[in-house]
């Protein structure tokens, strides 16, 4: 191949820029030119007007962004790309740019887009860029290690002030459908309670455990909640609990971590406080692990395309990068670490 493209799609993840840098360095070493496709699959459709959608990437510029968080190429959702006619348009645009293969950095939705391009004759190789760690075929996704380390740093700081005031903390971390960040952040900080989407849970059970821990001499306990944990919460009339304790509540107020904390305060008599870590988990400089994984993945992706091998995704197993067909990777079922979860919530 003489020219390849690279895009970042879905939620931004620490290490995406490092992966782009590795792709650029490998492409240069093989005499390939590299086109950066802006704003995910929107760029393949030239939805930004065309002038800034696909750009020739200069190696000197890419080297400067390698350690930066976020993604230099930008990222965005592209619902238009779900339409077969738009996928065909994207493939034609890619061919018109002389691009013979594409490196796609993103999660499962990005991989499905890569599948579509492969079916239309555009070889693609995927790199798992998502902080959620929700791709079953790989032990770790790019950005996950940084996100966990970010949460651990923040939770340690929160636990320090919890000790100072002898009051519990309820901390929300990212993870809509996958509780891996919450799980490892809990294990890494000694948090006493972990709540995830994969396991059903009850507000009253959490409150009972908080009360027992407080009565046992641990008033500064930490509850770590994955943002998508509400899907697995057993029904409870939490509005009634708040009203019974004289608190104002509206019938259309959605359940959230802040409301969970208010209910726990009513049920336990503690002064629990809420912290939502939010996008700090995405916007950190990549960890050493993620930077190394990005480098190896980027180089391997270019080598695969150089050898005419597409329709593949890259992952890590037993500490080593490997590749496998996209179809097989997306079929694998994720297995939650229930043993670690039970250990955290029982000690």
C-alpha atoms as a PDB file:
ATOM      1  CA  UNK A   1       0.000   0.000   0.000  1.00  0.00           C
ATOM      2  CA  UNK A   2       1.179   3.505  -0.794  1.00  0.00           C
ATOM      3  CA  UNK A   3      -1.348   5.509   1.245  1.00  0.00           C
ATOM      4  CA  UNK A   4      -3.359   4.668   4.346  1.00  0.00           C
ATOM      5  CA  UNK A   5      -5.783   6.572   6.541  1.00  0.00           C
ATOM      6  CA  UNK A   6      -6.351   6.757  10.292  1.00  0.00           C
ATOM      7  CA  UNK A   7      -9.371   7.902  12.293  1.00  0.00           C
ATOM      8  CA  UNK A   8     -10.477   8.047  15.916  1.00  0.00           C
ATOM      9  CA  UNK A   9     -14.132   7.374  16.647  1.00  0.00           C
ATOM     10  CA  UNK A  10     -16.492   7.134  19.609  1.00  0.00           C
ATOM     11  CA  UNK A  11     -15.550   8.508  23.016  1.00  0.00           C
ATOM     12  CA  UNK A  12     -12.042   9.910  23.265  1.00  0.00           C
ATOM     13  CA  UNK A  13      -9.582   7.790  25.213  1.00  0.00           C
ATOM     14  CA  UNK A  14      -6.088   8.507  26.588  1.00  0.00           C
ATOM     15  CA  UNK A  15      -3.536   7.016  24.213  1.00  0.00           C
ATOM     16  CA  UNK A  16      -5.404   7.709  20.974  1.00  0.00           C
ATOM     17  CA  UNK A  17      -2.859  10.345  19.980  1.00  0.00           C
ATOM     18  CA  UNK A  18      -0.024   7.988  20.859  1.00  0.00           C
ATOM     19  CA  UNK A  19      -1.561   5.362  18.569  1.00  0.00           C
ATOM     20  CA  UNK A  20      -1.864   7.895  15.739  1.00  0.00           C
ATOM     21  CA  UNK A  21       1.796   8.805  16.267  1.00  0.00           C
ATOM     22  CA  UNK A  22       2.818   5.143  16.048  1.00  0.00           C
ATOM     23  CA  UNK A  23       0.798   4.707  12.844  1.00  0.00           C
ATOM     24  CA  UNK A  24       2.497   7.796  11.388  1.00  0.00           C
ATOM     25  CA  UNK A  25       5.999   6.608  12.296  1.00  0.00           C
ATOM     26  CA  UNK A  26       5.405   3.117  10.910  1.00  0.00           C
ATOM     27  CA  UNK A  27       3.871   4.497   7.719  1.00  0.00           C
ATOM     28  CA  UNK A  28       6.833   6.832   7.198  1.00  0.00           C
ATOM     29  CA  UNK A  29       9.309   3.983   7.698  1.00  0.00           C
ATOM     30  CA  UNK A  30       7.608   2.004   4.909  1.00  0.00           C
ATOM     31  CA  UNK A  31       7.369   4.971   2.558  1.00  0.00           C
ATOM     32  CA  UNK A  32       3.597   5.294   2.902  1.00  0.00           C
ATOM     33  CA  UNK A  33       1.755   8.589   3.056  1.00  0.00           C
ATOM     34  CA  UNK A  34      -0.817   8.997   5.848  1.00  0.00           C
ATOM     35  CA  UNK A  35      -4.176  10.740   5.704  1.00  0.00           C
ATOM     36  CA  UNK A  36      -5.814  11.778   8.964  1.00  0.00           C
ATOM     37  CA  UNK A  37      -9.600  11.485   8.805  1.00  0.00           C
ATOM     38  CA  UNK A  38     -11.234  14.063  11.081  1.00  0.00           C
ATOM     39  CA  UNK A  39     -14.183  13.572  13.479  1.00  0.00           C
ATOM     40  CA  UNK A  40     -14.520   9.833  13.078  1.00  0.00           C
ATOM     41  CA  UNK A  41     -16.738   8.532  10.294  1.00  0.00           C
ATOM     42  CA  UNK A  42     -18.052  12.042   9.679  1.00  0.00           C
ATOM     43  CA  UNK A  43     -14.741  12.716   7.963  1.00  0.00           C
ATOM     44  CA  UNK A  44     -15.219   9.821   5.562  1.00  0.00           C
ATOM     45  CA  UNK A  45     -18.503  11.443   4.511  1.00  0.00           C
ATOM     46  CA  UNK A  46     -16.897  14.890   4.160  1.00  0.00           C
ATOM     47  CA  UNK A  47     -19.567  16.284   6.479  1.00  0.00           C
ATOM     48  CA  UNK A  48     -17.284  19.081   7.610  1.00  0.00           C
ATOM     49  CA  UNK A  49     -17.364  20.657   4.162  1.00  0.00           C
ATOM     50  CA  UNK A  50     -14.472  18.691   2.726  1.00  0.00           C
ATOM     51  CA  UNK A  51     -11.605  21.120   3.324  1.00  0.00           C
ATOM     52  CA  UNK A  52     -10.745  19.818   6.779  1.00  0.00           C
ATOM     53  CA  UNK A  53     -12.136  16.281   6.655  1.00  0.00           C
ATOM     54  CA  UNK A  54      -9.097  14.402   5.348  1.00  0.00           C
ATOM     55  CA  UNK A  55      -5.657  15.890   5.799  1.00  0.00           C
ATOM     56  CA  UNK A  56      -2.125  14.813   4.976  1.00  0.00           C
ATOM     57  CA  UNK A  57      -0.437  14.159   8.305  1.00  0.00           C
ATOM     58  CA  UNK A  58       2.991  15.633   8.894  1.00  0.00           C
ATOM     59  CA  UNK A  59       5.180  13.429  11.103  1.00  0.00           C
ATOM     60  CA  UNK A  60       6.668  16.378  12.983  1.00  0.00           C
ATOM     61  CA  UNK A  61       3.188  17.519  14.036  1.00  0.00           C
ATOM     62  CA  UNK A  62       2.165  14.027  15.078  1.00  0.00           C
ATOM     63  CA  UNK A  63       5.293  13.578  17.198  1.00  0.00           C
ATOM     64  CA  UNK A  64       4.320  16.695  19.147  1.00  0.00           C
ATOM     65  CA  UNK A  65       0.866  15.320  20.056  1.00  0.00           C
ATOM     66  CA  UNK A  66       1.907  11.809  21.111  1.00  0.00           C
ATOM     67  CA  UNK A  67       1.753  12.498  24.850  1.00  0.00           C
ATOM     68  CA  UNK A  68      -1.323  14.725  24.742  1.00  0.00           C
ATOM     69  CA  UNK A  69      -4.699  13.535  26.047  1.00  0.00           C
ATOM     70  CA  UNK A  70      -7.805  13.625  23.871  1.00  0.00           C
ATOM     71  CA  UNK A  71      -7.569  13.120  20.134  1.00  0.00           C
ATOM     72  CA  UNK A  72      -5.898  15.459  17.662  1.00  0.00           C
ATOM     73  CA  UNK A  73      -8.109  14.096  14.874  1.00  0.00           C
ATOM     74  CA  UNK A  74     -11.248  14.907  16.914  1.00  0.00           C
ATOM     75  CA  UNK A  75     -14.078  12.442  17.349  1.00  0.00           C
ATOM     76  CA  UNK A  76     -17.856  12.452  17.016  1.00  0.00           C
ATOM     77  CA  UNK A  77     -20.852  10.201  16.632  1.00  0.00           C
ATOM     78  CA  UNK A  78     -22.039   9.609  13.073  1.00  0.00           C
ATOM     79  CA  UNK A  79     -25.550   8.187  12.901  1.00  0.00           C
ATOM     80  CA  UNK A  80     -25.571   8.834   9.158  1.00  0.00           C
ATOM     81  CA  UNK A  81     -22.940   6.133   8.741  1.00  0.00           C
ATOM     82  CA  UNK A  82     -25.486   3.497   9.797  1.00  0.00           C
ATOM     83  CA  UNK A  83     -27.189   3.893   6.408  1.00  0.00           C
ATOM     84  CA  UNK A  84     -25.855   1.578   3.648  1.00  0.00           C
ATOM     85  CA  UNK A  85     -25.926   4.362   1.063  1.00  0.00           C
ATOM     86  CA  UNK A  86     -23.765   6.553   3.323  1.00  0.00           C
ATOM     87  CA  UNK A  87     -21.318   3.702   3.860  1.00  0.00           C
ATOM     88  CA  UNK A  88     -20.980   3.417   0.088  1.00  0.00           C
ATOM     89  CA  UNK A  89     -20.430   7.169  -0.129  1.00  0.00           C
ATOM     90  CA  UNK A  90     -17.717   6.950   2.513  1.00  0.00           C
ATOM     91  CA  UNK A  91     -15.949   4.118   0.684  1.00  0.00           C
ATOM     92  CA  UNK A  92     -16.000   6.115  -2.547  1.00  0.00           C
ATOM     93  CA  UNK A  93     -14.610   9.201  -0.791  1.00  0.00           C
ATOM     94  CA  UNK A  94     -11.814   7.118   0.707  1.00  0.00           C
ATOM     95  CA  UNK A  95     -10.900   5.704  -2.703  1.00  0.00           C
ATOM     96  CA  UNK A  96     -10.954   9.169  -4.276  1.00  0.00           C
ATOM     97  CA  UNK A  97      -8.329  10.232  -1.722  1.00  0.00           C
ATOM     98  CA  UNK A  98      -6.136   7.341  -2.835  1.00  0.00           C
ATOM     99  CA  UNK A  99      -6.437   5.662   0.577  1.00  0.00           C
ATOM    100  CA  UNK A 100      -5.933   1.911   0.324  1.00  0.00           C
ATOM    101  CA  UNK A 101      -6.493   0.917   3.957  1.00  0.00           C
ATOM    102  CA  UNK A 102      -7.702   2.512   7.203  1.00  0.00           C
ATOM    103  CA  UNK A 103      -6.669   2.183  10.851  1.00  0.00           C
ATOM    104  CA  UNK A 104      -9.764   2.678  13.032  1.00  0.00           C
ATOM    105  CA  UNK A 105      -9.215   3.572  16.709  1.00  0.00           C
ATOM    106  CA  UNK A 106     -12.372   3.209  18.801  1.00  0.00           C
ATOM    107  CA  UNK A 107     -14.846   0.853  20.466  1.00  0.00           C
ATOM    108  CA  UNK A 108     -17.418  -1.669  19.289  1.00  0.00           C
ATOM    109  CA  UNK A 109     -19.466   0.883  17.334  1.00  0.00           C
ATOM    110  CA  UNK A 110     -16.317   1.998  15.538  1.00  0.00           C
ATOM    111  CA  UNK A 111     -15.503  -1.627  14.767  1.00  0.00           C
ATOM    112  CA  UNK A 112     -18.917  -2.121  13.166  1.00  0.00           C
ATOM    113  CA  UNK A 113     -18.178   0.864  10.944  1.00  0.00           C
ATOM    114  CA  UNK A 114     -14.863  -0.738  10.000  1.00  0.00           C
ATOM    115  CA  UNK A 115     -16.724  -3.952   9.156  1.00  0.00           C
ATOM    116  CA  UNK A 116     -18.938  -2.038   6.762  1.00  0.00           C
ATOM    117  CA  UNK A 117     -15.936  -0.512   4.985  1.00  0.00           C
ATOM    118  CA  UNK A 118     -14.259  -3.917   4.748  1.00  0.00           C
ATOM    119  CA  UNK A 119     -17.352  -5.329   3.026  1.00  0.00           C
ATOM    120  CA  UNK A 120     -17.079  -2.501   0.512  1.00  0.00           C
ATOM    121  CA  UNK A 121     -13.472  -3.330  -0.287  1.00  0.00           C
ATOM    122  CA  UNK A 122     -11.641  -0.953   2.067  1.00  0.00           C
ATOM    123  CA  UNK A 123      -9.276  -3.007   4.290  1.00  0.00           C
ATOM    124  CA  UNK A 124      -9.459  -1.849   7.926  1.00  0.00           C
ATOM    125  CA  UNK A 125      -7.607  -2.699  11.125  1.00  0.00           C
ATOM    126  CA  UNK A 126      -9.110  -1.739  14.495  1.00  0.00           C
ATOM    127  CA  UNK A 127      -7.339  -0.610  17.661  1.00  0.00           C
ATOM    128  CA  UNK A 128      -9.531  -0.834  20.814  1.00  0.00           C
ATOM    129  CA  UNK A 129      -9.693   2.792  21.964  1.00  0.00           C
ATOM    130  CA  UNK A 130     -12.216   3.045  24.828  1.00  0.00           C
ATOM    131  CA  UNK A 131     -11.814   3.659  28.550  1.00  0.00           C
ATOM    132  CA  UNK A 132     -14.683   1.305  29.447  1.00  0.00           C
ATOM    133  CA  UNK A 133     -12.756  -1.945  28.816  1.00  0.00           C
ATOM    134  CA  UNK A 134     -15.947  -3.388  27.359  1.00  0.00           C
ATOM    135  CA  UNK A 135     -14.498  -5.348  24.429  1.00  0.00           C
ATOM    136  CA  UNK A 136     -14.435  -9.008  25.431  1.00  0.00           C
ATOM    137  CA  UNK A 137     -11.749 -10.247  23.042  1.00  0.00           C
ATOM    138  CA  UNK A 138      -8.937  -8.208  24.643  1.00  0.00           C
ATOM    139  CA  UNK A 139      -7.744  -8.127  28.236  1.00  0.00           C
ATOM    140  CA  UNK A 140      -7.340  -4.344  28.160  1.00  0.00           C
ATOM    141  CA  UNK A 141      -8.555  -1.557  25.915  1.00  0.00           C
ATOM    142  CA  UNK A 142      -6.564   1.567  25.110  1.00  0.00           C
ATOM    143  CA  UNK A 143      -7.269   4.250  27.724  1.00  0.00           C
ATOM    144  CA  UNK A 144      -8.655   1.931  30.407  1.00  0.00           C
ATOM    145  CA  UNK A 145      -5.467   1.828  32.468  1.00  0.00           C
ATOM    146  CA  UNK A 146      -5.217   5.624  32.446  1.00  0.00           C
ATOM    147  CA  UNK A 147      -8.870   5.980  33.439  1.00  0.00           C
ATOM    148  CA  UNK A 148      -8.449   3.609  36.372  1.00  0.00           C
ATOM    149  CA  UNK A 149      -5.305   5.391  37.543  1.00  0.00           C
ATOM    150  CA  UNK A 150      -7.099   8.725  37.265  1.00  0.00           C
ATOM    151  CA  UNK A 151      -9.956   7.432  39.424  1.00  0.00           C
ATOM    152  CA  UNK A 152      -7.572   5.954  41.962  1.00  0.00           C
ATOM    153  CA  UNK A 153      -5.737   9.271  42.352  1.00  0.00           C
ATOM    154  CA  UNK A 154      -9.009  11.155  42.823  1.00  0.00           C
ATOM    155  CA  UNK A 155     -10.565   8.615  45.190  1.00  0.00           C
ATOM    156  CA  UNK A 156      -7.450   8.628  47.367  1.00  0.00           C
ATOM    157  CA  UNK A 157      -7.773  12.392  47.684  1.00  0.00           C
ATOM    158  CA  UNK A 158     -11.477  12.064  48.522  1.00  0.00           C
ATOM    159  CA  UNK A 159     -10.747   9.391  51.140  1.00  0.00           C
ATOM    160  CA  UNK A 160      -8.224  11.711  52.766  1.00  0.00           C
ATOM    161  CA  UNK A 161     -10.842  14.376  53.342  1.00  0.00           C
ATOM    162  CA  UNK A 162     -13.370  11.713  54.371  1.00  0.00           C
ATOM    163  CA  UNK A 163     -10.975  10.674  57.146  1.00  0.00           C
ATOM    164  CA  UNK A 164     -10.572  14.281  58.217  1.00  0.00           C
ATOM    165  CA  UNK A 165     -14.333  14.750  58.631  1.00  0.00           C
ATOM    166  CA  UNK A 166     -15.348  11.190  59.571  1.00  0.00           C
ATOM    167  CA  UNK A 167     -17.989  11.028  56.871  1.00  0.00           C
ATOM    168  CA  UNK A 168     -18.671   8.661  53.936  1.00  0.00           C
ATOM    169  CA  UNK A 169     -18.081   9.483  50.272  1.00  0.00           C
ATOM    170  CA  UNK A 170     -20.114   8.328  47.291  1.00  0.00           C
ATOM    171  CA  UNK A 171     -18.018   8.561  44.114  1.00  0.00           C
ATOM    172  CA  UNK A 172     -19.374   8.098  40.589  1.00  0.00           C
ATOM    173  CA  UNK A 173     -17.002   6.870  37.873  1.00  0.00           C
ATOM    174  CA  UNK A 174     -17.621   6.190  34.200  1.00  0.00           C
ATOM    175  CA  UNK A 175     -19.013   2.943  32.849  1.00  0.00           C
ATOM    176  CA  UNK A 176     -22.496   2.912  31.311  1.00  0.00           C
ATOM    177  CA  UNK A 177     -22.673  -0.822  30.626  1.00  0.00           C
ATOM    178  CA  UNK A 178     -19.358  -2.023  32.031  1.00  0.00           C
ATOM    179  CA  UNK A 179     -18.282  -1.767  35.668  1.00  0.00           C
ATOM    180  CA  UNK A 180     -14.577  -2.506  35.196  1.00  0.00           C
ATOM    181  CA  UNK A 181     -13.423   1.033  36.055  1.00  0.00           C
ATOM    182  CA  UNK A 182     -15.484   1.024  39.250  1.00  0.00           C
ATOM    183  CA  UNK A 183     -14.277  -2.471  40.113  1.00  0.00           C
ATOM    184  CA  UNK A 184     -10.546  -1.803  39.742  1.00  0.00           C
ATOM    185  CA  UNK A 185     -10.762   1.681  41.254  1.00  0.00           C
ATOM    186  CA  UNK A 186     -12.456   0.164  44.302  1.00  0.00           C
ATOM    187  CA  UNK A 187      -9.834  -2.562  44.617  1.00  0.00           C
ATOM    188  CA  UNK A 188      -7.009  -0.075  44.154  1.00  0.00           C
ATOM    189  CA  UNK A 189      -8.198   2.320  46.859  1.00  0.00           C
ATOM    190  CA  UNK A 190      -9.655   0.011  49.470  1.00  0.00           C
ATOM    191  CA  UNK A 191     -13.178   1.310  48.848  1.00  0.00           C
ATOM    192  CA  UNK A 192     -15.678  -0.561  50.973  1.00  0.00           C
ATOM    193  CA  UNK A 193     -18.633  -0.742  48.563  1.00  0.00           C
ATOM    194  CA  UNK A 194     -18.693  -1.129  44.771  1.00  0.00           C
ATOM    195  CA  UNK A 195     -21.854  -0.806  42.628  1.00  0.00           C
ATOM    196  CA  UNK A 196     -21.805  -1.877  38.961  1.00  0.00           C
ATOM    197  CA  UNK A 197     -24.285  -2.477  36.111  1.00  0.00           C
ATOM    198  CA  UNK A 198     -23.480  -6.197  35.928  1.00  0.00           C
ATOM    199  CA  UNK A 199     -24.791  -7.110  39.389  1.00  0.00           C
ATOM    200  CA  UNK A 200     -28.230  -6.397  40.864  1.00  0.00           C
ATOM    201  CA  UNK A 201     -28.123  -4.268  43.985  1.00  0.00           C
ATOM    202  CA  UNK A 202     -30.434  -2.748  46.520  1.00  0.00           C
ATOM    203  CA  UNK A 203     -30.268   0.728  48.069  1.00  0.00           C
ATOM    204  CA  UNK A 204     -31.367  -0.721  51.401  1.00  0.00           C
ATOM    205  CA  UNK A 205     -28.594  -3.336  51.307  1.00  0.00           C
ATOM    206  CA  UNK A 206     -26.021  -0.627  50.624  1.00  0.00           C
ATOM    207  CA  UNK A 207     -27.453   1.464  53.450  1.00  0.00           C
ATOM    208  CA  UNK A 208     -27.369  -1.513  55.836  1.00  0.00           C
ATOM    209  CA  UNK A 209     -23.719  -2.186  54.999  1.00  0.00           C
ATOM    210  CA  UNK A 210     -22.863   1.495  55.468  1.00  0.00           C
ATOM    211  CA  UNK A 211     -24.568   1.488  58.862  1.00  0.00           C
ATOM    212  CA  UNK A 212     -22.701  -1.638  59.970  1.00  0.00           C
ATOM    213  CA  UNK A 213     -19.364  -0.223  58.851  1.00  0.00           C
ATOM    214  CA  UNK A 214     -20.030   3.096  60.565  1.00  0.00           C
ATOM    215  CA  UNK A 215     -21.103   1.379  63.778  1.00  0.00           C
ATOM    216  CA  UNK A 216     -17.969  -0.774  63.571  1.00  0.00           C
ATOM    217  CA  UNK A 217     -15.688   2.260  63.596  1.00  0.00           C
ATOM    218  CA  UNK A 218     -15.379   3.098  59.894  1.00  0.00           C
ATOM    219  CA  UNK A 219     -17.297   6.360  59.373  1.00  0.00           C
ATOM    220  CA  UNK A 220     -15.151   7.462  56.389  1.00  0.00           C
ATOM    221  CA  UNK A 221     -16.068   4.588  54.057  1.00  0.00           C
ATOM    222  CA  UNK A 222     -16.211   4.997  50.274  1.00  0.00           C
ATOM    223  CA  UNK A 223     -18.943   3.855  47.882  1.00  0.00           C
ATOM    224  CA  UNK A 224     -17.810   3.669  44.226  1.00  0.00           C
ATOM    225  CA  UNK A 225     -20.673   3.713  41.713  1.00  0.00           C
ATOM    226  CA  UNK A 226     -20.449   3.071  37.969  1.00  0.00           C
ATOM    227  CA  UNK A 227     -22.552   5.628  36.073  1.00  0.00           C
ATOM    228  CA  UNK A 228     -24.705   2.907  34.498  1.00  0.00           C
ATOM    229  CA  UNK A 229     -25.463   1.073  37.735  1.00  0.00           C
ATOM    230  CA  UNK A 230     -29.077   2.277  37.756  1.00  0.00           C
ATOM    231  CA  UNK A 231     -29.931  -0.392  35.181  1.00  0.00           C
ATOM    232  CA  UNK A 232     -29.273  -3.107  37.764  1.00  0.00           C
ATOM    233  CA  UNK A 233     -30.819  -1.373  40.815  1.00  0.00           C
ATOM    234  CA  UNK A 234     -33.729  -3.183  42.421  1.00  0.00           C
ATOM    235  CA  UNK A 235     -36.864  -0.988  42.540  1.00  0.00           C
ATOM    236  CA  UNK A 236     -37.245   1.274  45.560  1.00  0.00           C
ATOM    237  CA  UNK A 237     -39.564   4.168  46.354  1.00  0.00           C
ATOM    238  CA  UNK A 238     -36.694   6.526  47.050  1.00  0.00           C
ATOM    239  CA  UNK A 239     -38.918   9.578  46.597  1.00  0.00           C
ATOM    240  CA  UNK A 240     -41.062   8.412  49.512  1.00  0.00           C
ATOM    241  CA  UNK A 241     -37.971   7.921  51.676  1.00  0.00           C
ATOM    242  CA  UNK A 242     -36.843  11.491  50.991  1.00  0.00           C
ATOM    243  CA  UNK A 243     -40.322  12.896  51.612  1.00  0.00           C
ATOM    244  CA  UNK A 244     -40.630  10.939  54.875  1.00  0.00           C
ATOM    245  CA  UNK A 245     -37.442  12.650  56.056  1.00  0.00           C
ATOM    246  CA  UNK A 246     -38.786  16.080  55.221  1.00  0.00           C
ATOM    247  CA  UNK A 247     -36.784  16.588  52.045  1.00  0.00           C
ATOM    248  CA  UNK A 248     -38.125  18.312  48.936  1.00  0.00           C
ATOM    249  CA  UNK A 249     -38.336  16.096  45.890  1.00  0.00           C
ATOM    250  CA  UNK A 250     -40.065  16.357  42.527  1.00  0.00           C
ATOM    251  CA  UNK A 251     -41.834  13.447  40.891  1.00  0.00           C
ATOM    252  CA  UNK A 252     -39.874  13.930  37.677  1.00  0.00           C
ATOM    253  CA  UNK A 253     -36.451  13.969  39.358  1.00  0.00           C
ATOM    254  CA  UNK A 254     -34.376  11.168  37.774  1.00  0.00           C
ATOM    255  CA  UNK A 255     -32.429   8.729  39.890  1.00  0.00           C
ATOM    256  CA  UNK A 256     -28.776   9.749  40.005  1.00  0.00           C
ATOM    257  CA  UNK A 257     -25.738   9.434  42.243  1.00  0.00           C
ATOM    258  CA  UNK A 258     -26.653  12.655  44.027  1.00  0.00           C
ATOM    259  CA  UNK A 259     -30.127  11.332  44.803  1.00  0.00           C
ATOM    260  CA  UNK A 260     -28.649   7.997  45.870  1.00  0.00           C
ATOM    261  CA  UNK A 261     -26.469   9.857  48.367  1.00  0.00           C
ATOM    262  CA  UNK A 262     -29.474  11.757  49.702  1.00  0.00           C
ATOM    263  CA  UNK A 263     -31.355   8.487  50.249  1.00  0.00           C
ATOM    264  CA  UNK A 264     -28.328   6.890  51.929  1.00  0.00           C
ATOM    265  CA  UNK A 265     -28.025   9.877  54.244  1.00  0.00           C
ATOM    266  CA  UNK A 266     -31.659   9.414  55.272  1.00  0.00           C
ATOM    267  CA  UNK A 267     -31.321   5.672  55.819  1.00  0.00           C
ATOM    268  CA  UNK A 268     -27.957   5.771  57.626  1.00  0.00           C
ATOM    269  CA  UNK A 269     -27.966   9.086  59.454  1.00  0.00           C
ATOM    270  CA  UNK A 270     -24.531   9.889  58.014  1.00  0.00           C
ATOM    271  CA  UNK A 271     -23.263  13.031  56.289  1.00  0.00           C
ATOM    272  CA  UNK A 272     -22.311  11.236  53.063  1.00  0.00           C
ATOM    273  CA  UNK A 273     -21.081  13.471  50.235  1.00  0.00           C
ATOM    274  CA  UNK A 274     -21.165  12.991  46.451  1.00  0.00           C
ATOM    275  CA  UNK A 275     -18.334  13.414  43.964  1.00  0.00           C
ATOM    276  CA  UNK A 276     -18.827  12.774  40.226  1.00  0.00           C
ATOM    277  CA  UNK A 277     -15.442  12.345  38.558  1.00  0.00           C
ATOM    278  CA  UNK A 278     -16.825  12.699  35.027  1.00  0.00           C
ATOM    279  CA  UNK A 279     -14.581  13.493  32.086  1.00  0.00           C
ATOM    280  CA  UNK A 280     -11.413  13.741  34.149  1.00  0.00           C
ATOM    281  CA  UNK A 281     -11.089  10.038  33.380  1.00  0.00           C
ATOM    282  CA  UNK A 282     -10.858  10.681  29.650  1.00  0.00           C
ATOM    283  CA  UNK A 283      -8.769  13.823  29.656  1.00  0.00           C
ATOM    284  CA  UNK A 284      -5.596  12.618  31.376  1.00  0.00           C
ATOM    285  CA  UNK A 285      -2.172  12.103  29.867  1.00  0.00           C
ATOM    286  CA  UNK A 286      -1.876   8.405  28.944  1.00  0.00           C
ATOM    287  CA  UNK A 287      -0.212   6.087  31.435  1.00  0.00           C
ATOM    288  CA  UNK A 288       2.971   4.208  30.614  1.00  0.00           C
ATOM    289  CA  UNK A 289       0.928   1.079  29.902  1.00  0.00           C
ATOM    290  CA  UNK A 290      -1.449   2.835  27.511  1.00  0.00           C
ATOM    291  CA  UNK A 291       1.389   4.641  25.734  1.00  0.00           C
ATOM    292  CA  UNK A 292       3.226   1.354  25.143  1.00  0.00           C
ATOM    293  CA  UNK A 293       0.066  -0.454  24.071  1.00  0.00           C
ATOM    294  CA  UNK A 294      -0.716   2.398  21.659  1.00  0.00           C
ATOM    295  CA  UNK A 295       2.761   2.185  20.144  1.00  0.00           C
ATOM    296  CA  UNK A 296       2.701  -1.577  19.610  1.00  0.00           C
ATOM    297  CA  UNK A 297      -0.860  -1.506  18.273  1.00  0.00           C
ATOM    298  CA  UNK A 298      -0.185   1.311  15.825  1.00  0.00           C
ATOM    299  CA  UNK A 299       2.886  -0.373  14.403  1.00  0.00           C
ATOM    300  CA  UNK A 300       1.137  -3.743  14.110  1.00  0.00           C
ATOM    301  CA  UNK A 301      -1.867  -2.137  12.380  1.00  0.00           C
ATOM    302  CA  UNK A 302       0.348  -0.616   9.685  1.00  0.00           C
ATOM    303  CA  UNK A 303       2.208  -3.889   9.203  1.00  0.00           C
ATOM    304  CA  UNK A 304      -1.052  -5.752   8.707  1.00  0.00           C
ATOM    305  CA  UNK A 305      -2.281  -3.292   6.082  1.00  0.00           C
ATOM    306  CA  UNK A 306       1.147  -3.272   4.417  1.00  0.00           C
ATOM    307  CA  UNK A 307       0.856  -7.026   4.003  1.00  0.00           C
ATOM    308  CA  UNK A 308      -2.662  -6.811   2.604  1.00  0.00           C
ATOM    309  CA  UNK A 309      -4.330  -8.078   5.775  1.00  0.00           C
ATOM    310  CA  UNK A 310      -7.551  -6.260   6.687  1.00  0.00           C
ATOM    311  CA  UNK A 311     -10.784  -6.951   8.557  1.00  0.00           C
ATOM    312  CA  UNK A 312      -8.757  -7.409  11.759  1.00  0.00           C
ATOM    313  CA  UNK A 313      -8.681  -5.926  15.259  1.00  0.00           C
ATOM    314  CA  UNK A 314      -5.763  -5.709  17.655  1.00  0.00           C
ATOM    315  CA  UNK A 315      -5.864  -6.653  21.319  1.00  0.00           C
ATOM    316  CA  UNK A 316      -3.655  -7.754  24.176  1.00  0.00           C
ATOM    317  CA  UNK A 317      -3.499 -11.191  25.778  1.00  0.00           C
ATOM    318  CA  UNK A 318      -1.030 -12.346  28.422  1.00  0.00           C
ATOM    319  CA  UNK A 319       0.780  -9.042  28.013  1.00  0.00           C
ATOM    320  CA  UNK A 320       1.328  -9.365  24.257  1.00  0.00           C
ATOM    321  CA  UNK A 321      -0.468  -7.728  21.345  1.00  0.00           C
ATOM    322  CA  UNK A 322      -2.243  -9.969  18.855  1.00  0.00           C
ATOM    323  CA  UNK A 323      -4.800  -9.650  16.075  1.00  0.00           C
ATOM    324  CA  UNK A 324      -7.966 -11.486  15.077  1.00  0.00           C
ATOM    325  CA  UNK A 325     -10.901 -11.028  12.655  1.00  0.00           C
ATOM    326  CA  UNK A 326     -13.356  -8.263  13.549  1.00  0.00           C
ATOM    327  CA  UNK A 327     -16.339 -10.629  13.281  1.00  0.00           C
ATOM    328  CA  UNK A 328     -14.873 -13.086  15.772  1.00  0.00           C
ATOM    329  CA  UNK A 329     -13.876 -10.325  18.190  1.00  0.00           C
ATOM    330  CA  UNK A 330     -17.362  -8.817  18.284  1.00  0.00           C
ATOM    331  CA  UNK A 331     -18.941 -12.237  18.920  1.00  0.00           C
ATOM    332  CA  UNK A 332     -17.005 -12.829  22.134  1.00  0.00           C
ATOM    333  CA  UNK A 333     -18.995 -12.437  25.350  1.00  0.00           C
ATOM    334  CA  UNK A 334     -17.559 -10.357  28.141  1.00  0.00           C
ATOM    335  CA  UNK A 335     -17.183 -12.034  31.549  1.00  0.00           C
ATOM    336  CA  UNK A 336     -17.397  -9.801  34.606  1.00  0.00           C
ATOM    337  CA  UNK A 337     -14.992 -10.513  37.482  1.00  0.00           C
ATOM    338  CA  UNK A 338     -17.622 -11.473  40.023  1.00  0.00           C
ATOM    339  CA  UNK A 339     -15.049 -12.940  42.416  1.00  0.00           C
ATOM    340  CA  UNK A 340     -13.269  -9.604  42.813  1.00  0.00           C
ATOM    341  CA  UNK A 341     -16.600  -7.813  43.126  1.00  0.00           C
ATOM    342  CA  UNK A 342     -17.762 -10.089  45.935  1.00  0.00           C
ATOM    343  CA  UNK A 343     -14.406  -9.760  47.677  1.00  0.00           C
ATOM    344  CA  UNK A 344     -14.595  -5.957  47.681  1.00  0.00           C
ATOM    345  CA  UNK A 345     -18.147  -5.928  48.998  1.00  0.00           C
ATOM    346  CA  UNK A 346     -17.605  -8.547  51.707  1.00  0.00           C
ATOM    347  CA  UNK A 347     -14.319  -7.620  53.387  1.00  0.00           C
END
